[in-house]
Amino acid sequence: MPRTPFTICLVTDSRPIRDAVELSCPPPHRVRTLGLQGVLEPDHSLSEQGEALLEAAAEADVVLVSWSLEQAPLIGTLCHLVRQATRRPILALCGGSQDEVIAALTTGVDEVVHFPLYLPVLQARVAALERHDDVIHREAARTLKASLRHTLGAEPENTDGHAPPDARPAASSEPSAASSEPSPDPADALQQLAAAVQDSIDEVLMPVDRTEDVLTVGPLRLEQHTFRFFIHDDEVELTPKEFDVLQDLMRHCGEVRTRDEILEAAWGIDFDTGTNTVDVYMHFLRKKLKAHGVGGMLETVRGRGFRLVAPETE
């Protein structure tokens, strides 16, 4: 048994699962359990329980979520909220079914573990995820640094962090031609630098095509840049994956979208997962549309897929 104290933020509404995890992680390790139900208010804002969950996630070594396909949209939202608050890895606690593993991974968790839970394996998986996360952040920092140096007109660095010897200007008592040119205004230079940094970040964080920022189908309006959705000008909260699925349907309004096409568009998966993940999200989307009187806009085409249609106008 590892001697380093390990803290788990367990998200489950099941007493047996809580007891089993606590049994697998005896003192000095710690399991803090919070329920998944009640994390969001009826208006989809974060509840007090949700705030407590994010606080516990930030203080833990790992977030362990009891997997349930019926709760997939809520678990997907939880993953999104946790990643906004902390870099702690999120693992799903699944049964033995491979379908469950695929569904959990496509919902947004970082990794999957099974019963019986063995703490050394859990710690090893968390350590591997943290190494991977560190590599990604270091690479992003190097890319951003190179972009900034390019913007500032600096020479590339050696591995020791200094400019190459042949790139260093030789000392000269003669004034250079460039020295006679006026120096750029510091405020302007700072503005250009800030703009360059913003552009570099946008390339990574904003893959949405801004030329078509707002999608409109009948009473539905999807703002891709702000990630907001409206029905008849009433804002409706969507989970991140619900947003991605609806975005694909609205971009292909009137077309039949197969489950494979939706999986590739919303999850980046180009193979058949063998699960009913898409159907689960369609159920929740249709429920939200129906609550505003437009449930008929989302059609199921038997044997083919799904289609979003504009309402008929008289």
C-alpha atoms as a PDB file:
ATOM      1  CA  MET A   1       0.000   0.000   0.000  1.00  0.00           C
ATOM      2  CA  PRO A   2       1.446   3.434  -0.929  1.00  0.00           C
ATOM      3  CA  ARG A   3       2.548   5.410   2.102  1.00  0.00           C
ATOM      4  CA  THR A   4       1.979   8.884   0.650  1.00  0.00           C
ATOM      5  CA  PRO A   5      -1.469  10.129   1.739  1.00  0.00           C
ATOM      6  CA  PHE A   6      -3.789  10.299  -1.237  1.00  0.00           C
ATOM      7  CA  THR A   7      -7.039  12.275  -1.394  1.00  0.00           C
ATOM      8  CA  ILE A   8      -9.939  11.244  -3.628  1.00  0.00           C
ATOM      9  CA  CYS A   9     -12.898  13.467  -4.462  1.00  0.00           C
ATOM     10  CA  LEU A  10     -15.538  10.793  -5.053  1.00  0.00           C
ATOM     11  CA  VAL A  11     -18.677  11.858  -6.929  1.00  0.00           C
ATOM     12  CA  THR A  12     -21.468   9.348  -6.426  1.00  0.00           C
ATOM     13  CA  ASP A  13     -24.996   9.048  -5.094  1.00  0.00           C
ATOM     14  CA  SER A  14     -24.497   5.366  -4.251  1.00  0.00           C
ATOM     15  CA  ARG A  15     -23.788   4.344  -0.659  1.00  0.00           C
ATOM     16  CA  PRO A  16     -22.366   0.908  -1.660  1.00  0.00           C
ATOM     17  CA  ILE A  17     -19.919   2.541  -4.090  1.00  0.00           C
ATOM     18  CA  ARG A  18     -18.844   5.029  -1.423  1.00  0.00           C
ATOM     19  CA  ASP A  19     -18.260   2.210   1.067  1.00  0.00           C
ATOM     20  CA  ALA A  20     -16.296   0.160  -1.477  1.00  0.00           C
ATOM     21  CA  VAL A  21     -14.012   3.064  -2.403  1.00  0.00           C
ATOM     22  CA  GLU A  22     -13.410   3.942   1.255  1.00  0.00           C
ATOM     23  CA  LEU A  23     -12.539   0.292   1.933  1.00  0.00           C
ATOM     24  CA  SER A  24      -9.993   0.394  -0.908  1.00  0.00           C
ATOM     25  CA  CYS A  25      -8.426   3.593   0.432  1.00  0.00           C
ATOM     26  CA  PRO A  26      -7.944   3.217   4.201  1.00  0.00           C
ATOM     27  CA  PRO A  27      -6.192   5.864   6.350  1.00  0.00           C
ATOM     28  CA  PRO A  28      -3.960   7.803   5.986  1.00  0.00           C
ATOM     29  CA  HIS A  29      -5.665   8.140   2.612  1.00  0.00           C
ATOM     30  CA  ARG A  30      -8.849  10.156   2.434  1.00  0.00           C
ATOM     31  CA  VAL A  31     -12.070   9.882   0.439  1.00  0.00           C
ATOM     32  CA  ARG A  32     -14.356  12.905   0.339  1.00  0.00           C
ATOM     33  CA  THR A  33     -17.739  11.964  -1.155  1.00  0.00           C
ATOM     34  CA  LEU A  34     -20.201  14.349  -2.787  1.00  0.00           C
ATOM     35  CA  GLY A  35     -23.378  13.552  -4.695  1.00  0.00           C
ATOM     36  CA  LEU A  36     -23.860  14.209  -8.391  1.00  0.00           C
ATOM     37  CA  GLN A  37     -27.532  15.053  -8.036  1.00  0.00           C
ATOM     38  CA  GLY A  38     -28.072  18.631  -6.942  1.00  0.00           C
ATOM     39  CA  VAL A  39     -24.819  19.962  -8.390  1.00  0.00           C
ATOM     40  CA  LEU A  40     -26.818  22.296 -10.651  1.00  0.00           C
ATOM     41  CA  GLU A  41     -29.780  24.521  -9.868  1.00  0.00           C
ATOM     42  CA  PRO A  42     -32.968  24.221 -11.993  1.00  0.00           C
ATOM     43  CA  ASP A  43     -31.665  27.107 -14.131  1.00  0.00           C
ATOM     44  CA  HIS A  44     -28.416  25.108 -14.641  1.00  0.00           C
ATOM     45  CA  SER A  45     -26.340  27.498 -12.529  1.00  0.00           C
ATOM     46  CA  LEU A  46     -23.942  26.002  -9.991  1.00  0.00           C
ATOM     47  CA  SER A  47     -25.572  25.165  -6.654  1.00  0.00           C
ATOM     48  CA  GLU A  48     -23.949  25.369  -3.213  1.00  0.00           C
ATOM     49  CA  GLN A  49     -23.322  21.639  -3.476  1.00  0.00           C
ATOM     50  CA  GLY A  50     -21.687  22.238  -6.846  1.00  0.00           C
ATOM     51  CA  GLU A  51     -19.426  24.906  -5.347  1.00  0.00           C
ATOM     52  CA  ALA A  52     -18.471  22.488  -2.563  1.00  0.00           C
ATOM     53  CA  LEU A  53     -17.697  19.818  -5.150  1.00  0.00           C
ATOM     54  CA  LEU A  54     -15.357  22.117  -7.106  1.00  0.00           C
ATOM     55  CA  GLU A  55     -13.625  23.113  -3.877  1.00  0.00           C
ATOM     56  CA  ALA A  56     -13.147  19.457  -2.954  1.00  0.00           C
ATOM     57  CA  ALA A  57     -11.866  18.689  -6.470  1.00  0.00           C
ATOM     58  CA  ALA A  58      -9.228  21.419  -6.223  1.00  0.00           C
ATOM     59  CA  GLU A  59      -7.997  20.028  -2.887  1.00  0.00           C
ATOM     60  CA  ALA A  60      -7.935  16.371  -3.994  1.00  0.00           C
ATOM     61  CA  ASP A  61      -5.378  14.394  -5.979  1.00  0.00           C
ATOM     62  CA  VAL A  62      -8.037  12.999  -8.311  1.00  0.00           C
ATOM     63  CA  VAL A  63     -11.748  13.335  -9.073  1.00  0.00           C
ATOM     64  CA  LEU A  64     -13.381   9.895  -9.257  1.00  0.00           C
ATOM     65  CA  VAL A  65     -16.881   9.829 -10.776  1.00  0.00           C
ATOM     66  CA  SER A  66     -19.248   6.886 -10.517  1.00  0.00           C
ATOM     67  CA  TRP A  67     -20.231   6.286 -14.141  1.00  0.00           C
ATOM     68  CA  SER A  68     -23.843   6.113 -15.337  1.00  0.00           C
ATOM     69  CA  LEU A  69     -24.881   6.458 -18.964  1.00  0.00           C
ATOM     70  CA  GLU A  70     -28.166   8.070 -17.937  1.00  0.00           C
ATOM     71  CA  GLN A  71     -26.153  10.803 -16.201  1.00  0.00           C
ATOM     72  CA  ALA A  72     -23.742  11.275 -19.139  1.00  0.00           C
ATOM     73  CA  PRO A  73     -24.745  14.896 -19.935  1.00  0.00           C
ATOM     74  CA  LEU A  74     -24.479  15.883 -16.268  1.00  0.00           C
ATOM     75  CA  ILE A  75     -21.120  14.123 -15.945  1.00  0.00           C
ATOM     76  CA  GLY A  76     -19.952  15.913 -19.090  1.00  0.00           C
ATOM     77  CA  THR A  77     -20.957  19.239 -17.532  1.00  0.00           C
ATOM     78  CA  LEU A  78     -19.154  18.276 -14.328  1.00  0.00           C
ATOM     79  CA  CYS A  79     -15.964  17.546 -16.287  1.00  0.00           C
ATOM     80  CA  HIS A  80     -16.228  20.959 -17.955  1.00  0.00           C
ATOM     81  CA  LEU A  81     -16.717  22.761 -14.618  1.00  0.00           C
ATOM     82  CA  VAL A  82     -13.902  20.898 -12.869  1.00  0.00           C
ATOM     83  CA  ARG A  83     -11.457  21.713 -15.675  1.00  0.00           C
ATOM     84  CA  GLN A  84     -12.348  25.391 -15.389  1.00  0.00           C
ATOM     85  CA  ALA A  85     -11.524  25.297 -11.676  1.00  0.00           C
ATOM     86  CA  THR A  86      -8.538  22.937 -11.474  1.00  0.00           C
ATOM     87  CA  ARG A  87      -6.161  20.726 -13.445  1.00  0.00           C
ATOM     88  CA  ARG A  88      -6.920  17.650 -11.339  1.00  0.00           C
ATOM     89  CA  PRO A  89      -7.460  14.505 -13.465  1.00  0.00           C
ATOM     90  CA  ILE A  90     -10.997  13.130 -13.749  1.00  0.00           C
ATOM     91  CA  LEU A  91     -11.487   9.359 -13.767  1.00  0.00           C
ATOM     92  CA  ALA A  92     -14.684   7.373 -14.199  1.00  0.00           C
ATOM     93  CA  LEU A  93     -15.402   4.349 -12.036  1.00  0.00           C
ATOM     94  CA  CYS A  94     -17.039   1.876 -14.427  1.00  0.00           C
ATOM     95  CA  GLY A  95     -18.270  -1.685 -14.534  1.00  0.00           C
ATOM     96  CA  GLY A  96     -16.558  -4.275 -16.671  1.00  0.00           C
ATOM     97  CA  SER A  97     -18.375  -3.457 -19.923  1.00  0.00           C
ATOM     98  CA  GLN A  98     -16.250  -2.089 -22.759  1.00  0.00           C
ATOM     99  CA  ASP A  99     -19.287  -0.103 -23.903  1.00  0.00           C
ATOM    100  CA  GLU A 100     -19.242   1.726 -20.564  1.00  0.00           C
ATOM    101  CA  VAL A 101     -15.552   2.521 -20.985  1.00  0.00           C
ATOM    102  CA  ILE A 102     -16.082   3.978 -24.458  1.00  0.00           C
ATOM    103  CA  ALA A 103     -19.129   5.978 -23.384  1.00  0.00           C
ATOM    104  CA  ALA A 104     -17.329   7.395 -20.337  1.00  0.00           C
ATOM    105  CA  LEU A 105     -14.274   8.434 -22.342  1.00  0.00           C
ATOM    106  CA  THR A 106     -16.388  10.082 -25.026  1.00  0.00           C
ATOM    107  CA  THR A 107     -18.282  12.002 -22.347  1.00  0.00           C
ATOM    108  CA  GLY A 108     -15.101  13.733 -21.230  1.00  0.00           C
ATOM    109  CA  VAL A 109     -13.313  11.868 -18.431  1.00  0.00           C
ATOM    110  CA  ASP A 110      -9.535  11.468 -18.675  1.00  0.00           C
ATOM    111  CA  GLU A 111      -9.311   7.790 -17.792  1.00  0.00           C
ATOM    112  CA  VAL A 112     -11.344   4.836 -16.543  1.00  0.00           C
ATOM    113  CA  VAL A 113     -10.848   2.489 -13.587  1.00  0.00           C
ATOM    114  CA  HIS A 114     -12.806  -0.604 -12.552  1.00  0.00           C
ATOM    115  CA  PHE A 115     -13.828  -2.494  -9.450  1.00  0.00           C
ATOM    116  CA  PRO A 116     -12.153  -3.879  -7.452  1.00  0.00           C
ATOM    117  CA  LEU A 117     -10.371  -0.557  -6.990  1.00  0.00           C
ATOM    118  CA  TYR A 118      -6.653  -0.980  -6.260  1.00  0.00           C
ATOM    119  CA  LEU A 119      -5.086   2.213  -4.917  1.00  0.00           C
ATOM    120  CA  PRO A 120      -1.537   1.732  -6.321  1.00  0.00           C
ATOM    121  CA  VAL A 121      -3.022   1.352  -9.825  1.00  0.00           C
ATOM    122  CA  LEU A 122      -5.161   4.458  -9.322  1.00  0.00           C
ATOM    123  CA  GLN A 123      -2.123   6.446  -8.180  1.00  0.00           C
ATOM    124  CA  ALA A 124      -0.073   5.213 -11.138  1.00  0.00           C
ATOM    125  CA  ARG A 125      -2.792   6.284 -13.594  1.00  0.00           C
ATOM    126  CA  VAL A 126      -3.023   9.716 -11.967  1.00  0.00           C
ATOM    127  CA  ALA A 127       0.766  10.136 -12.126  1.00  0.00           C
ATOM    128  CA  ALA A 128       0.770   9.193 -15.826  1.00  0.00           C
ATOM    129  CA  LEU A 129      -1.981  11.722 -16.578  1.00  0.00           C
ATOM    130  CA  GLU A 130      -0.100  14.439 -14.697  1.00  0.00           C
ATOM    131  CA  ARG A 131       3.086  13.704 -16.680  1.00  0.00           C
ATOM    132  CA  HIS A 132       1.133  13.958 -19.921  1.00  0.00           C
ATOM    133  CA  ASP A 133      -0.480  17.215 -18.776  1.00  0.00           C
ATOM    134  CA  ASP A 134       2.934  18.639 -17.866  1.00  0.00           C
ATOM    135  CA  VAL A 135       4.346  17.790 -21.299  1.00  0.00           C
ATOM    136  CA  ILE A 136       1.420  19.525 -23.027  1.00  0.00           C
ATOM    137  CA  HIS A 137       1.768  22.695 -20.939  1.00  0.00           C
ATOM    138  CA  ARG A 138       5.538  22.826 -21.458  1.00  0.00           C
ATOM    139  CA  GLU A 139       5.087  22.457 -25.209  1.00  0.00           C
ATOM    140  CA  ALA A 140       2.426  25.184 -25.215  1.00  0.00           C
ATOM    141  CA  ALA A 141       4.775  27.465 -23.268  1.00  0.00           C
ATOM    142  CA  ARG A 142       7.615  26.824 -25.724  1.00  0.00           C
ATOM    143  CA  THR A 143       5.322  27.536 -28.678  1.00  0.00           C
ATOM    144  CA  LEU A 144       4.074  30.775 -27.140  1.00  0.00           C
ATOM    145  CA  LYS A 145       7.619  31.839 -26.247  1.00  0.00           C
ATOM    146  CA  ALA A 146       8.793  31.221 -29.808  1.00  0.00           C
ATOM    147  CA  SER A 147       5.846  33.243 -31.130  1.00  0.00           C
ATOM    148  CA  LEU A 148       6.670  36.145 -28.827  1.00  0.00           C
ATOM    149  CA  ARG A 149      10.349  36.114 -29.784  1.00  0.00           C
ATOM    150  CA  HIS A 150       9.356  36.131 -33.434  1.00  0.00           C
ATOM    151  CA  THR A 151       7.027  39.090 -32.828  1.00  0.00           C
ATOM    152  CA  LEU A 152       9.774  40.977 -31.000  1.00  0.00           C
ATOM    153  CA  GLY A 153      12.281  40.188 -33.729  1.00  0.00           C
ATOM    154  CA  ALA A 154      14.592  38.316 -31.366  1.00  0.00           C
ATOM    155  CA  GLU A 155      17.018  35.623 -32.475  1.00  0.00           C
ATOM    156  CA  PRO A 156      16.181  31.978 -31.672  1.00  0.00           C
ATOM    157  CA  GLU A 157      17.610  30.618 -28.435  1.00  0.00           C
ATOM    158  CA  ASN A 158      20.033  27.795 -27.825  1.00  0.00           C
ATOM    159  CA  THR A 159      19.093  25.098 -25.372  1.00  0.00           C
ATOM    160  CA  ASP A 160      20.929  27.060 -22.670  1.00  0.00           C
ATOM    161  CA  GLY A 161      18.525  29.961 -23.171  1.00  0.00           C
ATOM    162  CA  HIS A 162      21.050  32.306 -24.851  1.00  0.00           C
ATOM    163  CA  ALA A 163      21.269  33.548 -28.403  1.00  0.00           C
ATOM    164  CA  PRO A 164      23.698  31.663 -30.686  1.00  0.00           C
ATOM    165  CA  PRO A 165      27.253  33.115 -30.614  1.00  0.00           C
ATOM    166  CA  ASP A 166      27.177  34.019 -34.304  1.00  0.00           C
ATOM    167  CA  ALA A 167      23.897  35.862 -33.773  1.00  0.00           C
ATOM    168  CA  ARG A 168      25.351  38.237 -31.207  1.00  0.00           C
ATOM    169  CA  PRO A 169      26.321  41.557 -32.774  1.00  0.00           C
ATOM    170  CA  ALA A 170      30.003  42.373 -32.732  1.00  0.00           C
ATOM    171  CA  ALA A 171      31.035  45.380 -30.700  1.00  0.00           C
ATOM    172  CA  SER A 172      31.635  48.458 -32.818  1.00  0.00           C
ATOM    173  CA  SER A 173      32.426  52.044 -32.074  1.00  0.00           C
ATOM    174  CA  GLU A 174      30.649  53.126 -35.253  1.00  0.00           C
ATOM    175  CA  PRO A 175      26.976  54.026 -34.891  1.00  0.00           C
ATOM    176  CA  SER A 176      24.755  51.749 -36.923  1.00  0.00           C
ATOM    177  CA  ALA A 177      22.234  52.966 -39.458  1.00  0.00           C
ATOM    178  CA  ALA A 178      19.424  51.558 -37.352  1.00  0.00           C
ATOM    179  CA  SER A 179      20.517  53.628 -34.367  1.00  0.00           C
ATOM    180  CA  SER A 180      19.527  56.770 -36.202  1.00  0.00           C
ATOM    181  CA  GLU A 181      15.943  55.540 -36.494  1.00  0.00           C
ATOM    182  CA  PRO A 182      13.540  56.599 -33.755  1.00  0.00           C
ATOM    183  CA  SER A 183      12.779  53.911 -31.163  1.00  0.00           C
ATOM    184  CA  PRO A 184       9.212  52.604 -31.205  1.00  0.00           C
ATOM    185  CA  ASP A 185       6.869  54.007 -28.630  1.00  0.00           C
ATOM    186  CA  PRO A 186       6.826  51.605 -25.624  1.00  0.00           C
ATOM    187  CA  ALA A 187       3.038  51.762 -25.412  1.00  0.00           C
ATOM    188  CA  ASP A 188       2.679  50.825 -29.094  1.00  0.00           C
ATOM    189  CA  ALA A 189       5.188  47.997 -28.714  1.00  0.00           C
ATOM    190  CA  LEU A 190       3.310  46.685 -25.696  1.00  0.00           C
ATOM    191  CA  GLN A 191       0.024  46.824 -27.593  1.00  0.00           C
ATOM    192  CA  GLN A 192       1.519  44.877 -30.491  1.00  0.00           C
ATOM    193  CA  LEU A 193       2.930  42.322 -28.072  1.00  0.00           C
ATOM    194  CA  ALA A 194      -0.432  41.895 -26.343  1.00  0.00           C
ATOM    195  CA  ALA A 195      -2.161  41.472 -29.712  1.00  0.00           C
ATOM    196  CA  ALA A 196       0.376  38.834 -30.747  1.00  0.00           C
ATOM    197  CA  VAL A 197      -0.160  36.917 -27.511  1.00  0.00           C
ATOM    198  CA  GLN A 198      -3.943  37.069 -27.965  1.00  0.00           C
ATOM    199  CA  ASP A 199      -3.679  35.819 -31.556  1.00  0.00           C
ATOM    200  CA  SER A 200      -1.487  32.915 -30.456  1.00  0.00           C
ATOM    201  CA  ILE A 201      -3.939  31.930 -27.740  1.00  0.00           C
ATOM    202  CA  ASP A 202      -6.944  32.282 -30.055  1.00  0.00           C
ATOM    203  CA  GLU A 203      -5.373  29.851 -32.526  1.00  0.00           C
ATOM    204  CA  VAL A 204      -5.533  27.184 -29.821  1.00  0.00           C
ATOM    205  CA  LEU A 205      -8.692  28.075 -27.922  1.00  0.00           C
ATOM    206  CA  MET A 206     -11.002  29.376 -30.638  1.00  0.00           C
ATOM    207  CA  PRO A 207     -11.393  26.745 -33.374  1.00  0.00           C
ATOM    208  CA  VAL A 208     -14.864  28.078 -34.231  1.00  0.00           C
ATOM    209  CA  ASP A 209     -15.233  29.701 -37.633  1.00  0.00           C
ATOM    210  CA  ARG A 210     -16.035  33.304 -36.755  1.00  0.00           C
ATOM    211  CA  THR A 211     -17.354  34.056 -40.239  1.00  0.00           C
ATOM    212  CA  GLU A 212     -20.523  32.222 -39.191  1.00  0.00           C
ATOM    213  CA  ASP A 213     -20.710  33.194 -35.554  1.00  0.00           C
ATOM    214  CA  VAL A 214     -24.495  32.850 -35.120  1.00  0.00           C
ATOM    215  CA  LEU A 215     -26.509  29.878 -36.370  1.00  0.00           C
ATOM    216  CA  THR A 216     -30.264  30.379 -36.743  1.00  0.00           C
ATOM    217  CA  VAL A 217     -32.926  27.782 -37.517  1.00  0.00           C
ATOM    218  CA  GLY A 218     -36.479  29.037 -37.020  1.00  0.00           C
ATOM    219  CA  PRO A 219     -36.781  30.083 -33.358  1.00  0.00           C
ATOM    220  CA  LEU A 220     -33.402  28.526 -32.488  1.00  0.00           C
ATOM    221  CA  ARG A 221     -30.325  30.743 -32.230  1.00  0.00           C
ATOM    222  CA  LEU A 222     -26.883  29.385 -31.378  1.00  0.00           C
ATOM    223  CA  GLU A 223     -24.072  31.853 -30.646  1.00  0.00           C
ATOM    224  CA  GLN A 224     -20.916  29.886 -31.392  1.00  0.00           C
ATOM    225  CA  HIS A 225     -18.446  32.428 -30.042  1.00  0.00           C
ATOM    226  CA  THR A 226     -20.167  32.952 -26.680  1.00  0.00           C
ATOM    227  CA  PHE A 227     -21.532  29.377 -26.404  1.00  0.00           C
ATOM    228  CA  ARG A 228     -25.079  30.585 -25.739  1.00  0.00           C
ATOM    229  CA  PHE A 229     -28.334  29.109 -27.047  1.00  0.00           C
ATOM    230  CA  PHE A 230     -31.752  30.751 -27.333  1.00  0.00           C
ATOM    231  CA  ILE A 231     -35.270  29.547 -28.176  1.00  0.00           C
ATOM    232  CA  HIS A 232     -37.711  32.359 -28.981  1.00  0.00           C
ATOM    233  CA  ASP A 233     -35.142  34.759 -27.417  1.00  0.00           C
ATOM    234  CA  ASP A 234     -35.237  32.784 -24.139  1.00  0.00           C
ATOM    235  CA  GLU A 235     -31.776  31.558 -23.165  1.00  0.00           C
ATOM    236  CA  VAL A 236     -31.543  27.797 -22.623  1.00  0.00           C
ATOM    237  CA  GLU A 237     -28.613  26.215 -20.811  1.00  0.00           C
ATOM    238  CA  LEU A 238     -26.812  23.402 -22.641  1.00  0.00           C
ATOM    239  CA  THR A 239     -24.064  21.101 -21.467  1.00  0.00           C
ATOM    240  CA  PRO A 240     -20.842  21.372 -23.525  1.00  0.00           C
ATOM    241  CA  LYS A 241     -21.611  18.189 -25.481  1.00  0.00           C
ATOM    242  CA  GLU A 242     -25.266  19.120 -25.980  1.00  0.00           C
ATOM    243  CA  PHE A 243     -23.984  22.363 -27.486  1.00  0.00           C
ATOM    244  CA  ASP A 244     -21.609  20.498 -29.825  1.00  0.00           C
ATOM    245  CA  VAL A 245     -24.327  18.079 -30.957  1.00  0.00           C
ATOM    246  CA  LEU A 246     -26.868  20.844 -31.586  1.00  0.00           C
ATOM    247  CA  GLN A 247     -24.245  22.906 -33.374  1.00  0.00           C
ATOM    248  CA  ASP A 248     -23.665  20.047 -35.823  1.00  0.00           C
ATOM    249  CA  LEU A 249     -27.404  19.576 -36.406  1.00  0.00           C
ATOM    250  CA  MET A 250     -27.945  23.300 -37.006  1.00  0.00           C
ATOM    251  CA  ARG A 251     -25.010  23.485 -39.402  1.00  0.00           C
ATOM    252  CA  HIS A 252     -26.656  20.685 -41.401  1.00  0.00           C
ATOM    253  CA  CYS A 253     -30.279  21.749 -40.981  1.00  0.00           C
ATOM    254  CA  GLY A 254     -32.631  19.575 -43.036  1.00  0.00           C
ATOM    255  CA  GLU A 255     -29.992  16.884 -43.557  1.00  0.00           C
ATOM    256  CA  VAL A 256     -30.045  13.454 -41.952  1.00  0.00           C
ATOM    257  CA  ARG A 257     -26.992  13.108 -39.711  1.00  0.00           C
ATOM    258  CA  THR A 258     -25.915   9.570 -38.896  1.00  0.00           C
ATOM    259  CA  ARG A 259     -24.726   8.636 -35.434  1.00  0.00           C
ATOM    260  CA  ASP A 260     -21.194   8.205 -36.771  1.00  0.00           C
ATOM    261  CA  GLU A 261     -21.244  11.704 -38.298  1.00  0.00           C
ATOM    262  CA  ILE A 262     -22.468  13.216 -35.028  1.00  0.00           C
ATOM    263  CA  LEU A 263     -19.832  11.323 -33.041  1.00  0.00           C
ATOM    264  CA  GLU A 264     -17.093  12.647 -35.306  1.00  0.00           C
ATOM    265  CA  ALA A 265     -18.412  16.230 -35.218  1.00  0.00           C
ATOM    266  CA  ALA A 266     -19.106  16.455 -31.472  1.00  0.00           C
ATOM    267  CA  TRP A 267     -16.570  14.029 -30.003  1.00  0.00           C
ATOM    268  CA  GLY A 268     -13.893  13.782 -32.683  1.00  0.00           C
ATOM    269  CA  ILE A 269     -14.456  10.026 -32.925  1.00  0.00           C
ATOM    270  CA  ASP A 270     -14.380   8.511 -36.409  1.00  0.00           C
ATOM    271  CA  PHE A 271     -15.347   4.935 -35.501  1.00  0.00           C
ATOM    272  CA  ASP A 272     -18.468   3.172 -34.269  1.00  0.00           C
ATOM    273  CA  THR A 273     -18.356   3.126 -30.464  1.00  0.00           C
ATOM    274  CA  GLY A 274     -21.060   0.486 -30.232  1.00  0.00           C
ATOM    275  CA  THR A 275     -22.874   2.539 -27.580  1.00  0.00           C
ATOM    276  CA  ASN A 276     -26.053   4.613 -27.519  1.00  0.00           C
ATOM    277  CA  THR A 277     -24.265   7.776 -26.371  1.00  0.00           C
ATOM    278  CA  VAL A 278     -25.683   9.847 -29.232  1.00  0.00           C
ATOM    279  CA  ASP A 279     -29.227   8.654 -28.477  1.00  0.00           C
ATOM    280  CA  VAL A 280     -28.844   9.694 -24.831  1.00  0.00           C
ATOM    281  CA  TYR A 281     -27.842  13.221 -25.813  1.00  0.00           C
ATOM    282  CA  MET A 282     -30.638  13.417 -28.365  1.00  0.00           C
ATOM    283  CA  HIS A 283     -33.093  12.489 -25.617  1.00  0.00           C
ATOM    284  CA  PHE A 284     -31.948  15.369 -23.429  1.00  0.00           C
ATOM    285  CA  LEU A 285     -31.837  17.828 -26.336  1.00  0.00           C
ATOM    286  CA  ARG A 286     -35.353  16.890 -27.428  1.00  0.00           C
ATOM    287  CA  LYS A 287     -36.538  17.296 -23.841  1.00  0.00           C
ATOM    288  CA  LYS A 288     -35.198  20.859 -23.720  1.00  0.00           C
ATOM    289  CA  LEU A 289     -36.673  21.730 -27.113  1.00  0.00           C
ATOM    290  CA  LYS A 290     -40.025  20.228 -26.118  1.00  0.00           C
ATOM    291  CA  ALA A 291     -40.104  22.366 -22.962  1.00  0.00           C
ATOM    292  CA  HIS A 292     -40.231  25.402 -25.266  1.00  0.00           C
ATOM    293  CA  GLY A 293     -42.777  23.925 -27.677  1.00  0.00           C
ATOM    294  CA  VAL A 294     -40.363  23.032 -30.485  1.00  0.00           C
ATOM    295  CA  GLY A 295     -39.608  19.377 -29.737  1.00  0.00           C
ATOM    296  CA  GLY A 296     -40.864  18.402 -33.195  1.00  0.00           C
ATOM    297  CA  MET A 297     -37.910  20.165 -34.829  1.00  0.00           C
ATOM    298  CA  LEU A 298     -35.624  17.281 -33.831  1.00  0.00           C
ATOM    299  CA  GLU A 299     -36.595  14.206 -35.822  1.00  0.00           C
ATOM    300  CA  THR A 300     -35.420  10.616 -35.547  1.00  0.00           C
ATOM    301  CA  VAL A 301     -35.042   9.001 -38.961  1.00  0.00           C
ATOM    302  CA  ARG A 302     -35.364   5.293 -38.277  1.00  0.00           C
ATOM    303  CA  GLY A 303     -32.393   3.269 -39.421  1.00  0.00           C
ATOM    304  CA  ARG A 304     -30.449   6.352 -40.494  1.00  0.00           C
ATOM    305  CA  GLY A 305     -29.974   8.974 -37.788  1.00  0.00           C
ATOM    306  CA  PHE A 306     -31.335  12.364 -36.771  1.00  0.00           C
ATOM    307  CA  ARG A 307     -32.427  15.540 -38.508  1.00  0.00           C
ATOM    308  CA  LEU A 308     -33.149  19.094 -37.365  1.00  0.00           C
ATOM    309  CA  VAL A 309     -35.873  20.749 -39.436  1.00  0.00           C
ATOM    310  CA  ALA A 310     -37.122  24.307 -39.529  1.00  0.00           C
ATOM    311  CA  PRO A 311     -40.759  24.713 -38.470  1.00  0.00           C
ATOM    312  CA  GLU A 312     -43.260  25.215 -41.259  1.00  0.00           C
ATOM    313  CA  THR A 313     -44.386  28.810 -41.716  1.00  0.00           C
ATOM    314  CA  GLU A 314     -47.937  29.612 -42.631  1.00  0.00           C
END
